[in-house]
Amino acid sequence: MATDAPVREFSQKIKELGDAIVALPLKDVKELNDYLEIVHGIKPAAGGVMVAAAPGAGAPGAQPAAAEKTEFDVVLESFGANKLKVITAVRSLLPGISLADAKKLVESAPSKIKEGVSKEEAEKIKQALEKEGATVSIK
């Protein structure tokens, strides 16, 4: 894939430092992250990863780090004592769903209310349903 973008040159010192960081075991990356945050007040960008290890980098037999989860599922565990209010809340949270479908969804608990949503949206949905007496989990 060829581009017309200019190639950026890096100093030898920066290349060596970058290569050394990429080769760190994940435990050391976590420690480096904590050090930079505590001692120097440097935090990774929101939603980003400070250092991503190259495939195969790190100690032999080391487990790869789990990627930070960005999509969540909201699961209605039970509708509680006020099923009608929970059905109404589900209808307001899922535009376009019929009353019959909302009722089936609520009565078939545990059931996924929404899939692949942001953490913030999942929390809002959970709060709205719990306000009506439902038991909700975010997975």
Protein backbone atom coordinates (compact mmCIF):
# COMPACT_ATOMS: atom_id res chain seq x y z
CA MET A 1 0.00 0.00 0.00
CA ALA A 2 1.84 3.07 -1.21
CA THR A 3 1.01 6.54 0.02
CA ASP A 4 2.22 9.99 -0.85
CA ALA A 5 2.63 10.84 2.85
CA PRO A 6 6.18 11.75 3.85
CA VAL A 7 8.04 9.17 5.92
CA ARG A 8 8.95 10.44 9.36
CA GLU A 9 12.50 9.90 10.57
CA PHE A 10 13.20 9.15 14.23
CA SER A 11 16.43 9.53 16.18
CA GLN A 12 18.34 6.40 17.15
CA LYS A 13 17.63 7.12 20.84
CA ILE A 14 13.85 7.19 20.23
CA LYS A 15 13.99 4.04 18.11
CA GLU A 16 15.88 2.16 20.84
CA LEU A 17 13.54 3.41 23.56
CA GLY A 18 10.44 2.48 21.55
CA ASP A 19 11.81 -0.97 20.71
CA ALA A 20 12.69 -1.54 24.38
CA ILE A 21 9.16 -0.61 25.51
CA VAL A 22 7.51 -2.86 22.92
CA ALA A 23 9.68 -5.78 24.06
CA LEU A 24 8.64 -5.41 27.72
CA PRO A 25 6.61 -8.17 29.35
CA LEU A 26 3.06 -7.01 30.11
CA LYS A 27 3.74 -6.98 33.85
CA ASP A 28 6.53 -4.46 33.26
CA VAL A 29 4.31 -2.39 30.94
CA LYS A 30 1.73 -2.15 33.75
CA GLU A 31 4.42 -1.12 36.20
CA LEU A 32 5.77 1.50 33.76
CA ASN A 33 2.24 2.82 33.28
CA ASP A 34 1.75 3.10 37.06
CA TYR A 35 5.13 4.81 37.47
CA LEU A 36 4.42 7.40 34.78
CA GLU A 37 0.99 8.11 36.23
CA ILE A 38 1.99 8.28 39.91
CA VAL A 39 5.40 9.94 39.67
CA HIS A 40 4.97 12.17 36.61
CA GLY A 41 1.19 12.57 36.37
CA ILE A 42 1.12 11.17 32.82
CA LYS A 43 -2.06 9.23 32.06
CA PRO A 44 -2.95 7.31 28.89
CA ALA A 45 -5.54 8.94 26.66
CA ALA A 46 -9.14 8.05 27.53
CA GLY A 47 -10.20 4.84 25.82
CA GLY A 48 -6.70 4.22 24.53
CA VAL A 49 -3.89 1.91 25.42
CA MET A 50 -0.62 3.49 26.50
CA VAL A 51 1.58 0.74 25.11
CA ALA A 52 0.50 -2.09 22.86
CA ALA A 53 2.90 -5.00 22.84
CA ALA A 54 3.86 -6.37 19.46
CA PRO A 55 2.67 -9.90 18.67
CA GLY A 56 5.06 -12.37 20.19
CA ALA A 57 6.72 -9.75 22.39
CA GLY A 58 7.18 -10.34 26.09
CA ALA A 59 8.26 -13.21 28.23
CA PRO A 60 7.99 -16.73 26.82
CA GLY A 61 4.70 -18.30 27.84
CA ALA A 62 3.24 -14.94 28.90
CA GLN A 63 -0.47 -14.55 28.35
CA PRO A 64 -1.51 -11.73 26.04
CA ALA A 65 -3.29 -8.86 27.78
CA ALA A 66 -7.02 -8.70 27.32
CA ALA A 67 -8.01 -5.77 25.17
CA GLU A 68 -9.93 -3.10 27.01
CA LYS A 69 -13.60 -3.83 26.52
CA THR A 70 -15.45 -1.11 24.61
CA GLU A 71 -18.76 -2.79 23.86
CA PHE A 72 -21.14 -4.10 26.47
CA ASP A 73 -24.37 -6.07 26.61
CA VAL A 74 -27.19 -5.09 28.96
CA VAL A 75 -28.94 -8.15 30.37
CA LEU A 76 -32.28 -8.06 32.16
CA GLU A 77 -31.88 -10.70 34.88
CA SER A 78 -35.41 -10.33 36.32
CA PHE A 79 -38.23 -7.84 36.05
CA GLY A 80 -38.92 -7.66 39.78
CA ALA A 81 -42.28 -6.77 41.32
CA ASN A 82 -43.44 -4.25 38.72
CA LYS A 83 -43.40 -5.99 35.34
CA LEU A 84 -45.59 -3.38 33.62
CA LYS A 85 -43.23 -0.49 34.46
CA VAL A 86 -40.24 -2.53 33.27
CA ILE A 87 -42.02 -3.31 29.97
CA THR A 88 -42.76 0.41 29.55
CA ALA A 89 -39.13 1.25 30.28
CA VAL A 90 -37.92 -1.33 27.75
CA ARG A 91 -40.22 0.19 25.09
CA SER A 92 -38.82 3.66 25.78
CA LEU A 93 -35.22 2.36 25.60
CA LEU A 94 -35.77 0.42 22.36
CA PRO A 95 -37.49 2.67 19.84
CA GLY A 96 -39.58 0.73 17.35
CA ILE A 97 -40.22 -2.30 19.57
CA SER A 98 -43.86 -3.29 19.87
CA LEU A 99 -45.62 -3.72 23.18
CA ALA A 100 -45.95 -7.45 22.53
CA ASP A 101 -42.23 -7.80 21.76
CA ALA A 102 -41.27 -5.76 24.83
CA LYS A 103 -43.51 -7.99 26.96
CA LYS A 104 -41.92 -11.17 25.50
CA LEU A 105 -38.44 -9.76 26.07
CA VAL A 106 -39.16 -8.88 29.70
CA GLU A 107 -40.95 -12.15 30.47
CA SER A 108 -38.12 -14.22 28.98
CA ALA A 109 -35.60 -12.83 31.48
CA PRO A 110 -32.71 -13.32 31.64
CA SER A 111 -32.53 -11.67 28.23
CA LYS A 112 -30.30 -9.20 26.43
CA ILE A 113 -31.92 -5.79 26.22
CA LYS A 114 -29.17 -4.16 24.15
CA GLU A 115 -25.92 -5.49 22.68
CA GLY A 116 -22.66 -3.81 21.75
CA VAL A 117 -23.29 -0.47 23.45
CA SER A 118 -20.82 1.89 25.13
CA LYS A 119 -20.19 1.67 28.87
CA GLU A 120 -22.01 4.99 29.38
CA GLU A 121 -25.10 3.89 27.43
CA ALA A 122 -25.14 0.53 29.23
CA GLU A 123 -25.06 2.31 32.60
CA LYS A 124 -27.94 4.62 31.57
CA ILE A 125 -30.05 1.64 30.46
CA LYS A 126 -29.25 -0.24 33.66
CA GLN A 127 -30.22 2.74 35.82
CA ALA A 128 -33.50 3.26 33.93
CA LEU A 129 -34.52 -0.37 34.37
CA GLU A 130 -33.38 -0.63 37.99
CA LYS A 131 -35.40 2.50 38.75
CA GLU A 132 -38.47 0.45 37.79
CA GLY A 133 -37.44 -2.46 40.04
CA ALA A 134 -35.67 -4.72 37.53
CA THR A 135 -32.42 -6.56 38.16
CA VAL A 136 -29.91 -5.77 35.41
CA SER A 137 -26.33 -6.74 34.68
CA ILE A 138 -23.77 -5.41 32.23
CA LYS A 139 -21.58 -7.96 30.50
